[in-house]
């Protein structure tokens, strides 16, 4: 399998972390890509020019991080990322983490192309309010799921890392200490230390 990705995409990192947690990294070739340059190899498997995109051995492809993670989980006999006994909680938390990731990523891209004034627009201010609401909700809803993290845990931890990496002014670690302590437990895992944003 080939995974098209770059080093600063939180979506691609979700897949890398999931693959590492499932012990599948040796089965995946990492294809480092700049999606903004519309490379033909990426367009061939994902016309949206979005990463991550996973090219399977039979030539079919899967795009979008959560869908790729679900596919990889389907190859794991234990279905570790989507445990049946915790499925609703797992999906609920994955949705919150994805929402945080989306709002943060869109804010970063808007600032890159339109400057800081993009935060003052209707969409920009809506994204910033969403980030604050999601952090507060995660402070309440995100509880440790045990020694084996599920997909919701992974998505949230990556989203929080991305927020610290690209929007440090949010200062979520100091403002939400219990959230930071939960995040710190996952940050120590090899899947996170080996895929840190650079």
N, C-alpha and C. Protein backbone atom coordinates (compact mmCIF):
# COMPACT_ATOMS: atom_id res chain seq x y z
N UNK A 1 0.84 -1.19 0.00
CA UNK A 1 0.00 0.00 0.00
C UNK A 1 0.88 1.25 0.00
N UNK A 2 0.38 2.29 -0.65
CA UNK A 2 1.09 3.56 -0.68
C UNK A 2 0.21 4.63 -0.04
N UNK A 3 0.80 5.39 0.88
CA UNK A 3 0.07 6.46 1.55
C UNK A 3 0.64 7.80 1.09
N UNK A 4 -0.19 8.60 0.44
CA UNK A 4 0.21 9.94 0.01
C UNK A 4 -0.07 10.90 1.17
N UNK A 5 0.94 11.68 1.54
CA UNK A 5 0.84 12.50 2.74
C UNK A 5 1.87 13.62 2.72
N UNK A 6 1.78 14.54 3.69
CA UNK A 6 2.89 15.43 3.98
C UNK A 6 3.07 15.52 5.48
N UNK A 7 4.12 16.21 5.91
CA UNK A 7 4.51 16.16 7.32
C UNK A 7 3.69 17.07 8.21
N UNK A 8 2.95 18.02 7.65
CA UNK A 8 2.21 18.96 8.49
C UNK A 8 0.70 18.78 8.43
N UNK A 9 0.22 17.81 7.69
CA UNK A 9 -1.22 17.57 7.62
C UNK A 9 -1.69 16.79 8.85
N UNK A 10 -2.61 17.35 9.62
CA UNK A 10 -3.13 16.58 10.76
C UNK A 10 -3.92 15.36 10.30
N UNK A 11 -4.55 15.46 9.13
CA UNK A 11 -5.33 14.34 8.61
C UNK A 11 -4.41 13.17 8.25
N UNK A 12 -3.30 13.48 7.61
CA UNK A 12 -2.34 12.42 7.28
C UNK A 12 -1.74 11.82 8.55
N UNK A 13 -1.53 12.67 9.54
CA UNK A 13 -0.95 12.15 10.78
C UNK A 13 -1.89 11.18 11.48
N UNK A 14 -3.18 11.43 11.41
CA UNK A 14 -4.15 10.49 11.99
C UNK A 14 -3.93 9.10 11.41
N UNK A 15 -3.73 9.03 10.10
CA UNK A 15 -3.54 7.73 9.45
C UNK A 15 -2.21 7.10 9.88
N UNK A 16 -1.16 7.90 9.94
CA UNK A 16 0.14 7.37 10.38
C UNK A 16 0.05 6.82 11.79
N UNK A 17 -0.59 7.57 12.68
CA UNK A 17 -0.72 7.13 14.07
C UNK A 17 -1.56 5.85 14.13
N UNK A 18 -2.65 5.82 13.39
CA UNK A 18 -3.51 4.63 13.39
C UNK A 18 -2.75 3.41 12.86
N UNK A 19 -2.01 3.59 11.78
CA UNK A 19 -1.25 2.48 11.20
C UNK A 19 -0.20 1.97 12.18
N UNK A 20 0.45 2.89 12.86
CA UNK A 20 1.46 2.49 13.85
C UNK A 20 0.83 1.74 15.01
N UNK A 21 -0.31 2.23 15.49
CA UNK A 21 -0.99 1.55 16.59
C UNK A 21 -1.43 0.15 16.20
N UNK A 22 -1.75 -0.04 14.92
CA UNK A 22 -2.19 -1.35 14.43
C UNK A 22 -1.02 -2.22 14.00
N UNK A 23 0.19 -1.71 14.07
CA UNK A 23 1.38 -2.48 13.66
C UNK A 23 1.46 -2.69 12.17
N UNK A 24 0.97 -1.74 11.38
CA UNK A 24 0.91 -1.91 9.93
C UNK A 24 1.87 -1.01 9.15
N UNK A 25 2.70 -0.25 9.83
CA UNK A 25 3.55 0.70 9.10
C UNK A 25 4.49 0.03 8.10
N UNK A 26 4.91 -1.18 8.39
CA UNK A 26 5.83 -1.87 7.47
C UNK A 26 5.14 -2.27 6.17
N UNK A 27 3.82 -2.27 6.17
CA UNK A 27 3.08 -2.62 4.96
C UNK A 27 2.76 -1.40 4.10
N UNK A 28 3.15 -0.22 4.57
CA UNK A 28 2.76 1.02 3.90
C UNK A 28 4.00 1.78 3.44
N UNK A 29 4.02 2.14 2.18
CA UNK A 29 5.07 3.01 1.64
C UNK A 29 4.59 4.45 1.74
N UNK A 30 5.39 5.30 2.37
CA UNK A 30 5.02 6.70 2.53
C UNK A 30 5.45 7.48 1.29
N UNK A 31 4.52 8.15 0.64
CA UNK A 31 4.78 8.94 -0.56
C UNK A 31 4.58 10.41 -0.21
N UNK A 32 5.68 11.09 0.09
CA UNK A 32 5.61 12.48 0.53
C UNK A 32 5.23 13.36 -0.65
N UNK A 33 4.22 14.20 -0.42
CA UNK A 33 3.55 14.90 -1.52
C UNK A 33 3.18 16.32 -1.11
N UNK A 34 3.25 17.24 -2.06
CA UNK A 34 2.73 18.59 -1.86
C UNK A 34 1.39 18.66 -2.59
N UNK A 35 0.28 18.53 -1.88
CA UNK A 35 -1.02 18.50 -2.56
C UNK A 35 -1.36 19.81 -3.25
N UNK A 36 -0.77 20.92 -2.81
CA UNK A 36 -1.07 22.23 -3.39
C UNK A 36 -0.49 22.37 -4.80
N UNK A 37 0.44 21.50 -5.16
CA UNK A 37 1.01 21.57 -6.51
C UNK A 37 0.30 20.64 -7.49
N UNK A 38 -0.79 20.00 -7.06
CA UNK A 38 -1.58 19.11 -7.90
C UNK A 38 -0.73 18.06 -8.63
N UNK A 39 0.08 17.30 -7.89
CA UNK A 39 0.90 16.27 -8.54
C UNK A 39 0.03 15.20 -9.21
N UNK A 40 0.44 14.78 -10.38
CA UNK A 40 -0.36 13.82 -11.14
C UNK A 40 -0.56 12.51 -10.41
N UNK A 41 0.45 12.06 -9.70
CA UNK A 41 0.32 10.79 -8.98
C UNK A 41 -0.81 10.86 -7.95
N UNK A 42 -0.94 12.00 -7.27
CA UNK A 42 -2.02 12.16 -6.30
C UNK A 42 -3.36 12.33 -7.00
N UNK A 43 -3.39 13.17 -8.05
CA UNK A 43 -4.65 13.39 -8.77
C UNK A 43 -5.20 12.10 -9.36
N UNK A 44 -4.30 11.19 -9.71
CA UNK A 44 -4.71 9.92 -10.30
C UNK A 44 -5.54 9.10 -9.32
N UNK A 45 -5.19 9.17 -8.04
CA UNK A 45 -5.92 8.35 -7.06
C UNK A 45 -6.93 9.16 -6.26
N UNK A 46 -6.79 10.50 -6.25
CA UNK A 46 -7.75 11.35 -5.56
C UNK A 46 -7.87 12.67 -6.33
N UNK A 47 -8.84 12.77 -7.22
CA UNK A 47 -9.01 13.97 -8.04
C UNK A 47 -9.21 15.25 -7.22
N UNK A 48 -9.59 15.11 -5.96
CA UNK A 48 -9.75 16.29 -5.10
C UNK A 48 -8.41 16.88 -4.68
N UNK A 49 -7.31 16.17 -4.98
CA UNK A 49 -5.95 16.62 -4.63
C UNK A 49 -5.80 16.81 -3.13
N UNK A 50 -6.44 15.94 -2.36
CA UNK A 50 -6.37 16.01 -0.91
C UNK A 50 -5.58 14.83 -0.37
N UNK A 51 -4.88 15.11 0.71
CA UNK A 51 -4.20 14.04 1.43
C UNK A 51 -4.84 13.93 2.82
N UNK A 52 -4.75 12.71 3.38
CA UNK A 52 -4.09 11.52 2.88
C UNK A 52 -4.94 10.79 1.84
N UNK A 53 -4.24 10.01 1.05
CA UNK A 53 -4.90 9.10 0.11
C UNK A 53 -4.11 7.80 0.14
N UNK A 54 -4.81 6.69 0.20
CA UNK A 54 -4.18 5.39 0.31
C UNK A 54 -4.43 4.61 -0.98
N UNK A 55 -3.35 4.22 -1.64
CA UNK A 55 -3.44 3.40 -2.84
C UNK A 55 -3.24 1.94 -2.45
N UNK A 56 -4.24 1.12 -2.76
CA UNK A 56 -4.19 -0.29 -2.39
C UNK A 56 -3.44 -1.10 -3.44
N UNK A 57 -3.11 -2.33 -3.09
CA UNK A 57 -2.35 -3.20 -3.98
C UNK A 57 -3.09 -3.47 -5.28
N UNK A 58 -4.41 -3.48 -5.25
CA UNK A 58 -5.18 -3.79 -6.46
C UNK A 58 -5.50 -2.56 -7.31
N UNK A 59 -4.93 -1.41 -6.93
CA UNK A 59 -5.11 -0.21 -7.72
C UNK A 59 -6.26 0.68 -7.26
N UNK A 60 -7.10 0.17 -6.37
CA UNK A 60 -8.16 1.02 -5.84
C UNK A 60 -7.57 1.96 -4.78
N UNK A 61 -8.31 3.03 -4.48
CA UNK A 61 -7.80 3.99 -3.52
C UNK A 61 -8.88 4.39 -2.53
N UNK A 62 -8.43 4.85 -1.37
CA UNK A 62 -9.32 5.34 -0.32
C UNK A 62 -8.77 6.70 0.12
N UNK A 63 -9.66 7.68 0.22
CA UNK A 63 -9.25 8.99 0.70
C UNK A 63 -10.03 9.34 1.96
N UNK A 64 -9.59 10.40 2.61
CA UNK A 64 -10.14 10.91 3.87
C UNK A 64 -9.62 10.06 5.05
N UNK A 65 -9.10 10.75 6.03
CA UNK A 65 -8.36 10.10 7.11
C UNK A 65 -9.18 9.08 7.90
N UNK A 66 -10.40 9.43 8.28
CA UNK A 66 -11.19 8.50 9.09
C UNK A 66 -11.58 7.25 8.30
N UNK A 67 -11.83 7.43 7.01
CA UNK A 67 -12.17 6.27 6.18
C UNK A 67 -10.97 5.35 6.01
N UNK A 68 -9.80 5.94 5.84
CA UNK A 68 -8.57 5.13 5.73
C UNK A 68 -8.31 4.40 7.04
N UNK A 69 -8.47 5.11 8.16
CA UNK A 69 -8.26 4.47 9.46
C UNK A 69 -9.24 3.32 9.67
N UNK A 70 -10.49 3.51 9.26
CA UNK A 70 -11.47 2.43 9.38
C UNK A 70 -11.09 1.23 8.52
N UNK A 71 -10.57 1.50 7.32
CA UNK A 71 -10.14 0.40 6.45
C UNK A 71 -8.98 -0.36 7.10
N UNK A 72 -7.99 0.36 7.59
CA UNK A 72 -6.86 -0.30 8.24
C UNK A 72 -7.32 -1.11 9.45
N UNK A 73 -8.25 -0.55 10.19
CA UNK A 73 -8.79 -1.27 11.35
C UNK A 73 -9.49 -2.56 10.93
N UNK A 74 -10.12 -2.54 9.74
CA UNK A 74 -10.81 -3.75 9.26
C UNK A 74 -9.83 -4.88 8.96
N UNK A 75 -8.56 -4.55 8.76
CA UNK A 75 -7.54 -5.57 8.51
C UNK A 75 -6.97 -6.15 9.79
N UNK A 76 -7.32 -5.53 10.92
CA UNK A 76 -6.81 -5.96 12.22
C UNK A 76 -7.80 -6.93 12.85
N UNK A 77 -7.38 -8.14 13.18
CA UNK A 77 -8.30 -9.14 13.73
C UNK A 77 -9.01 -8.66 15.00
N UNK A 78 -8.34 -7.82 15.78
CA UNK A 78 -8.94 -7.37 17.03
C UNK A 78 -9.77 -6.11 16.93
N UNK A 79 -9.79 -5.51 15.74
CA UNK A 79 -10.50 -4.24 15.55
C UNK A 79 -10.20 -3.27 16.69
N UNK A 80 -8.92 -3.09 16.97
CA UNK A 80 -8.51 -2.31 18.14
C UNK A 80 -8.97 -0.85 18.11
N UNK A 81 -9.04 -0.26 16.92
CA UNK A 81 -9.37 1.17 16.85
C UNK A 81 -10.86 1.45 17.01
N UNK A 82 -11.68 0.46 16.71
CA UNK A 82 -13.13 0.61 16.80
C UNK A 82 -13.71 -0.54 17.62
N UNK A 83 -13.39 -0.60 18.92
CA UNK A 83 -13.87 -1.72 19.74
C UNK A 83 -15.39 -1.69 19.86
N UNK A 84 -16.01 -2.83 19.63
CA UNK A 84 -17.47 -2.91 19.62
C UNK A 84 -18.09 -2.42 20.92
N UNK A 85 -17.46 -2.73 22.04
CA UNK A 85 -18.03 -2.36 23.34
C UNK A 85 -18.00 -0.86 23.58
N UNK A 86 -17.17 -0.14 22.85
CA UNK A 86 -17.03 1.31 23.04
C UNK A 86 -17.37 2.09 21.77
N UNK A 87 -18.04 1.46 20.83
CA UNK A 87 -18.17 2.04 19.50
C UNK A 87 -18.83 3.42 19.51
N UNK A 88 -19.94 3.56 20.22
CA UNK A 88 -20.64 4.86 20.21
C UNK A 88 -19.75 5.95 20.81
N UNK A 89 -19.14 5.66 21.96
CA UNK A 89 -18.25 6.65 22.59
C UNK A 89 -17.08 6.98 21.67
N UNK A 90 -16.52 5.95 21.05
CA UNK A 90 -15.40 6.14 20.13
C UNK A 90 -15.77 7.06 18.97
N UNK A 91 -16.91 6.81 18.35
CA UNK A 91 -17.33 7.62 17.21
C UNK A 91 -17.71 9.03 17.63
N UNK A 92 -18.33 9.16 18.80
CA UNK A 92 -18.66 10.48 19.32
C UNK A 92 -17.39 11.31 19.48
N UNK A 93 -16.38 10.73 20.11
CA UNK A 93 -15.13 11.44 20.35
C UNK A 93 -14.37 11.71 19.05
N UNK A 94 -14.40 10.75 18.14
CA UNK A 94 -13.76 10.97 16.84
C UNK A 94 -14.40 12.15 16.12
N UNK A 95 -15.72 12.28 16.24
CA UNK A 95 -16.41 13.40 15.62
C UNK A 95 -16.00 14.73 16.23
N UNK A 96 -15.86 14.78 17.56
CA UNK A 96 -15.41 16.01 18.22
C UNK A 96 -13.98 16.34 17.79
N UNK A 97 -13.12 15.34 17.76
CA UNK A 97 -11.74 15.57 17.35
C UNK A 97 -11.65 16.03 15.91
N UNK A 98 -12.46 15.42 15.05
CA UNK A 98 -12.47 15.82 13.64
C UNK A 98 -12.96 17.26 13.50
N UNK A 99 -13.96 17.64 14.28
CA UNK A 99 -14.46 19.00 14.25
C UNK A 99 -13.40 20.00 14.66
N UNK A 100 -12.64 19.67 15.70
CA UNK A 100 -11.55 20.54 16.16
C UNK A 100 -10.47 20.65 15.09
N UNK A 101 -10.16 19.53 14.48
CA UNK A 101 -9.15 19.52 13.42
C UNK A 101 -9.60 20.36 12.23
N UNK A 102 -10.84 20.20 11.83
CA UNK A 102 -11.36 20.94 10.67
C UNK A 102 -11.35 22.44 10.93
N UNK A 103 -11.82 22.86 12.10
CA UNK A 103 -11.88 24.29 12.40
C UNK A 103 -10.48 24.88 12.50
N UNK A 104 -9.56 24.14 13.10
CA UNK A 104 -8.17 24.62 13.22
C UNK A 104 -7.49 24.70 11.86
N UNK A 105 -7.64 23.65 11.08
CA UNK A 105 -6.99 23.61 9.77
C UNK A 105 -7.53 24.72 8.86
N UNK A 106 -8.83 24.90 8.84
CA UNK A 106 -9.43 25.94 8.00
C UNK A 106 -8.97 27.32 8.44
N UNK A 107 -8.80 27.53 9.74
CA UNK A 107 -8.31 28.81 10.24
C UNK A 107 -6.89 29.05 9.77
N UNK A 108 -6.05 28.03 9.87
CA UNK A 108 -4.65 28.16 9.44
C UNK A 108 -4.56 28.47 7.95
N UNK A 109 -5.33 27.77 7.14
CA UNK A 109 -5.29 27.99 5.70
C UNK A 109 -5.81 29.39 5.35
N UNK A 110 -6.88 29.82 6.01
CA UNK A 110 -7.41 31.16 5.75
C UNK A 110 -6.39 32.24 6.11
N UNK A 111 -5.71 32.06 7.22
CA UNK A 111 -4.68 33.04 7.62
C UNK A 111 -3.52 33.04 6.62
N UNK A 112 -3.17 31.88 6.14
CA UNK A 112 -2.05 31.78 5.20
C UNK A 112 -2.35 32.55 3.91
N UNK A 113 -3.57 32.46 3.44
CA UNK A 113 -3.91 33.06 2.14
C UNK A 113 -4.53 34.45 2.24
N UNK A 114 -5.11 34.78 3.40
CA UNK A 114 -5.81 36.07 3.52
C UNK A 114 -5.35 36.90 4.71
N UNK A 115 -4.37 36.39 5.46
CA UNK A 115 -3.87 37.15 6.59
C UNK A 115 -4.75 37.02 7.83
N UNK A 116 -4.29 37.67 8.90
CA UNK A 116 -4.99 37.59 10.17
C UNK A 116 -6.39 38.16 10.15
N UNK A 117 -6.65 39.05 9.18
CA UNK A 117 -7.99 39.63 9.13
C UNK A 117 -9.06 38.60 8.78
N UNK A 118 -8.63 37.43 8.30
CA UNK A 118 -9.61 36.38 7.99
C UNK A 118 -10.36 35.93 9.25
N UNK A 119 -9.73 36.12 10.42
CA UNK A 119 -10.39 35.76 11.67
C UNK A 119 -11.60 36.63 11.96
N UNK A 120 -11.62 37.83 11.35
CA UNK A 120 -12.70 38.78 11.62
C UNK A 120 -13.91 38.57 10.72
N UNK A 121 -13.77 37.72 9.72
CA UNK A 121 -14.89 37.47 8.82
C UNK A 121 -15.94 36.61 9.53
N UNK A 122 -17.09 36.51 8.90
CA UNK A 122 -18.16 35.68 9.47
C UNK A 122 -17.68 34.24 9.65
N UNK A 123 -17.05 33.68 8.61
CA UNK A 123 -16.58 32.30 8.70
C UNK A 123 -15.43 32.16 9.68
N UNK A 124 -14.53 33.13 9.66
CA UNK A 124 -13.38 33.07 10.55
C UNK A 124 -13.77 33.10 12.01
N UNK A 125 -14.65 34.01 12.37
CA UNK A 125 -15.08 34.09 13.77
C UNK A 125 -15.90 32.86 14.16
N UNK A 126 -16.63 32.32 13.22
CA UNK A 126 -17.41 31.10 13.50
C UNK A 126 -16.47 29.93 13.80
N UNK A 127 -15.38 29.83 13.04
CA UNK A 127 -14.40 28.76 13.28
C UNK A 127 -13.76 28.91 14.65
N UNK A 128 -13.39 30.13 15.03
CA UNK A 128 -12.75 30.35 16.32
C UNK A 128 -13.70 30.02 17.47
N UNK A 129 -14.96 30.36 17.31
CA UNK A 129 -15.94 30.00 18.35
C UNK A 129 -16.10 28.48 18.44
N UNK A 130 -16.06 27.82 17.29
CA UNK A 130 -16.17 26.36 17.29
C UNK A 130 -15.00 25.72 18.03
N UNK A 131 -13.80 26.25 17.82
CA UNK A 131 -12.62 25.72 18.50
C UNK A 131 -12.81 25.81 20.01
N UNK A 132 -13.28 26.95 20.49
CA UNK A 132 -13.48 27.13 21.93
C UNK A 132 -14.55 26.19 22.47
N UNK A 133 -15.64 26.05 21.75
CA UNK A 133 -16.70 25.15 22.21
C UNK A 133 -16.22 23.71 22.25
N UNK A 134 -15.45 23.32 21.24
CA UNK A 134 -14.97 21.94 21.17
C UNK A 134 -13.98 21.64 22.30
N UNK A 135 -13.10 22.59 22.61
CA UNK A 135 -12.18 22.37 23.71
C UNK A 135 -12.94 22.18 25.02
N UNK A 136 -13.96 22.99 25.26
CA UNK A 136 -14.76 22.86 26.47
C UNK A 136 -15.48 21.52 26.51
N UNK A 137 -16.01 21.09 25.37
CA UNK A 137 -16.72 19.81 25.32
C UNK A 137 -15.77 18.64 25.55
N UNK A 138 -14.59 18.73 24.97
CA UNK A 138 -13.61 17.66 25.15
C UNK A 138 -13.16 17.57 26.60
N UNK A 139 -13.05 18.71 27.26
CA UNK A 139 -12.67 18.72 28.67
C UNK A 139 -13.64 17.88 29.48
N UNK A 140 -14.89 17.87 29.08
CA UNK A 140 -15.93 17.11 29.79
C UNK A 140 -16.03 15.67 29.29
N UNK A 141 -16.02 15.50 27.97
CA UNK A 141 -16.37 14.20 27.38
C UNK A 141 -15.20 13.23 27.23
N UNK A 142 -13.99 13.76 27.07
CA UNK A 142 -12.87 12.87 26.74
C UNK A 142 -12.27 12.29 28.01
N UNK A 143 -12.58 11.04 28.25
CA UNK A 143 -12.05 10.32 29.39
C UNK A 143 -11.14 9.21 28.89
N UNK A 144 -10.13 8.83 29.66
CA UNK A 144 -9.22 7.77 29.22
C UNK A 144 -9.99 6.50 28.87
N UNK A 145 -9.62 5.88 27.75
CA UNK A 145 -10.32 4.67 27.33
C UNK A 145 -9.56 3.41 27.69
N UNK A 146 -8.52 3.53 28.49
CA UNK A 146 -7.75 2.35 28.88
C UNK A 146 -6.37 2.36 28.25
N UNK A 147 -5.68 1.24 28.39
CA UNK A 147 -4.30 1.15 27.92
C UNK A 147 -4.20 1.11 26.40
N UNK A 148 -5.30 0.73 25.73
CA UNK A 148 -5.30 0.67 24.27
C UNK A 148 -6.19 1.78 23.73
N UNK A 149 -5.60 2.81 23.14
CA UNK A 149 -6.43 3.92 22.65
C UNK A 149 -7.27 3.51 21.45
N UNK A 150 -8.47 4.09 21.34
CA UNK A 150 -9.30 3.84 20.18
C UNK A 150 -9.19 5.02 19.21
N UNK A 151 -9.90 4.95 18.12
CA UNK A 151 -9.78 5.96 17.07
C UNK A 151 -10.14 7.36 17.59
N UNK A 152 -11.16 7.45 18.44
CA UNK A 152 -11.52 8.76 18.98
C UNK A 152 -10.37 9.39 19.75
N UNK A 153 -9.68 8.59 20.57
CA UNK A 153 -8.52 9.09 21.31
C UNK A 153 -7.45 9.63 20.36
N UNK A 154 -7.18 8.87 19.32
CA UNK A 154 -6.12 9.26 18.39
C UNK A 154 -6.45 10.55 17.65
N UNK A 155 -7.68 10.67 17.19
CA UNK A 155 -8.08 11.86 16.44
C UNK A 155 -8.01 13.09 17.33
N UNK A 156 -8.49 12.98 18.55
CA UNK A 156 -8.45 14.11 19.47
C UNK A 156 -7.01 14.53 19.76
N UNK A 157 -6.16 13.56 20.06
CA UNK A 157 -4.77 13.89 20.40
C UNK A 157 -4.05 14.56 19.23
N UNK A 158 -4.29 14.08 18.01
CA UNK A 158 -3.67 14.72 16.84
C UNK A 158 -4.21 16.13 16.65
N UNK A 159 -5.51 16.31 16.83
CA UNK A 159 -6.11 17.64 16.68
C UNK A 159 -5.53 18.61 17.70
N UNK A 160 -5.35 18.17 18.93
CA UNK A 160 -4.77 19.02 19.95
C UNK A 160 -3.32 19.35 19.64
N UNK A 161 -2.58 18.38 19.16
CA UNK A 161 -1.19 18.63 18.74
C UNK A 161 -1.13 19.66 17.62
N UNK A 162 -2.06 19.53 16.67
CA UNK A 162 -2.08 20.47 15.54
C UNK A 162 -2.40 21.88 16.03
N UNK A 163 -3.33 21.99 16.96
CA UNK A 163 -3.70 23.29 17.51
C UNK A 163 -2.49 23.93 18.20
N UNK A 164 -1.73 23.14 18.95
CA UNK A 164 -0.53 23.66 19.62
C UNK A 164 0.55 24.04 18.61
N UNK A 165 0.64 23.28 17.53
CA UNK A 165 1.65 23.49 16.50
C UNK A 165 1.38 24.74 15.67
N UNK A 166 0.15 24.91 15.23
CA UNK A 166 -0.19 25.99 14.30
C UNK A 166 -0.87 27.20 14.95
N UNK A 167 -1.51 26.98 16.11
CA UNK A 167 -2.23 28.08 16.76
C UNK A 167 -1.87 28.12 18.24
N UNK A 168 -0.59 28.31 18.56
CA UNK A 168 -0.17 28.26 19.97
C UNK A 168 -0.83 29.32 20.83
N UNK A 169 -1.33 30.39 20.20
CA UNK A 169 -1.99 31.44 20.97
C UNK A 169 -3.26 30.95 21.67
N UNK A 170 -3.78 29.80 21.23
CA UNK A 170 -4.95 29.23 21.92
C UNK A 170 -4.60 28.79 23.34
N UNK A 171 -3.33 28.40 23.53
CA UNK A 171 -2.83 28.09 24.87
C UNK A 171 -3.72 27.09 25.61
N UNK A 172 -4.19 26.06 24.87
CA UNK A 172 -5.16 25.14 25.46
C UNK A 172 -4.57 24.32 26.60
N UNK A 173 -3.25 24.08 26.57
CA UNK A 173 -2.65 23.25 27.62
C UNK A 173 -2.81 23.89 29.00
N UNK A 174 -2.62 25.23 29.08
CA UNK A 174 -2.74 25.91 30.37
C UNK A 174 -4.20 26.17 30.73
N UNK A 175 -5.02 26.39 29.74
CA UNK A 175 -6.42 26.72 30.00
C UNK A 175 -7.26 25.50 30.33
N UNK A 176 -6.85 24.33 29.85
CA UNK A 176 -7.60 23.10 30.08
C UNK A 176 -6.64 22.02 30.61
N UNK A 177 -6.20 22.14 31.86
CA UNK A 177 -5.16 21.24 32.38
C UNK A 177 -5.52 19.76 32.38
N UNK A 178 -6.77 19.44 32.65
CA UNK A 178 -7.12 18.01 32.64
C UNK A 178 -7.09 17.45 31.22
N UNK A 179 -7.44 18.29 30.25
CA UNK A 179 -7.32 17.89 28.85
C UNK A 179 -5.85 17.67 28.50
N UNK A 180 -5.01 18.55 28.98
CA UNK A 180 -3.57 18.44 28.71
C UNK A 180 -2.99 17.17 29.32
N UNK A 181 -3.46 16.80 30.52
CA UNK A 181 -2.92 15.60 31.16
C UNK A 181 -3.33 14.34 30.41
N UNK A 182 -4.56 14.32 29.89
CA UNK A 182 -5.00 13.17 29.09
C UNK A 182 -4.19 13.09 27.79
N UNK A 183 -4.00 14.25 27.17
CA UNK A 183 -3.23 14.30 25.94
C UNK A 183 -1.79 13.82 26.16
N UNK A 184 -1.20 14.20 27.29
CA UNK A 184 0.20 13.85 27.57
C UNK A 184 0.41 12.34 27.61
N UNK A 185 -0.60 11.61 28.06
CA UNK A 185 -0.48 10.15 28.12
C UNK A 185 -0.32 9.56 26.72
N UNK A 186 -1.08 10.08 25.77
CA UNK A 186 -0.99 9.58 24.41
C UNK A 186 0.26 10.07 23.71
N UNK A 187 0.69 11.28 24.02
CA UNK A 187 1.86 11.87 23.35
C UNK A 187 3.12 11.06 23.60
N UNK A 188 3.12 10.26 24.66
CA UNK A 188 4.30 9.44 24.98
C UNK A 188 4.38 8.18 24.13
N UNK A 189 3.33 7.83 23.45
CA UNK A 189 3.32 6.59 22.69
C UNK A 189 4.19 6.74 21.44
N UNK A 190 4.77 5.63 20.99
CA UNK A 190 5.65 5.66 19.82
C UNK A 190 4.95 6.18 18.58
N UNK A 191 3.66 5.90 18.46
CA UNK A 191 2.92 6.34 17.28
C UNK A 191 2.89 7.86 17.19
N UNK A 192 2.94 8.54 18.32
CA UNK A 192 2.90 10.01 18.32
C UNK A 192 4.31 10.60 18.24
N UNK A 193 5.24 10.05 19.01
CA UNK A 193 6.59 10.60 18.97
C UNK A 193 7.24 10.41 17.61
N UNK A 194 6.87 9.35 16.92
CA UNK A 194 7.47 9.09 15.61
C UNK A 194 6.83 9.82 14.46
N UNK A 195 5.73 10.56 14.73
CA UNK A 195 5.04 11.26 13.66
C UNK A 195 4.81 12.73 13.98
N UNK A 196 5.64 13.27 14.87
CA UNK A 196 5.44 14.65 15.35
C UNK A 196 5.48 15.65 14.19
N UNK A 197 4.70 16.71 14.33
CA UNK A 197 4.69 17.76 13.31
C UNK A 197 6.05 18.45 13.26
N UNK A 198 6.49 18.76 12.04
CA UNK A 198 7.78 19.45 11.86
C UNK A 198 7.60 20.63 10.91
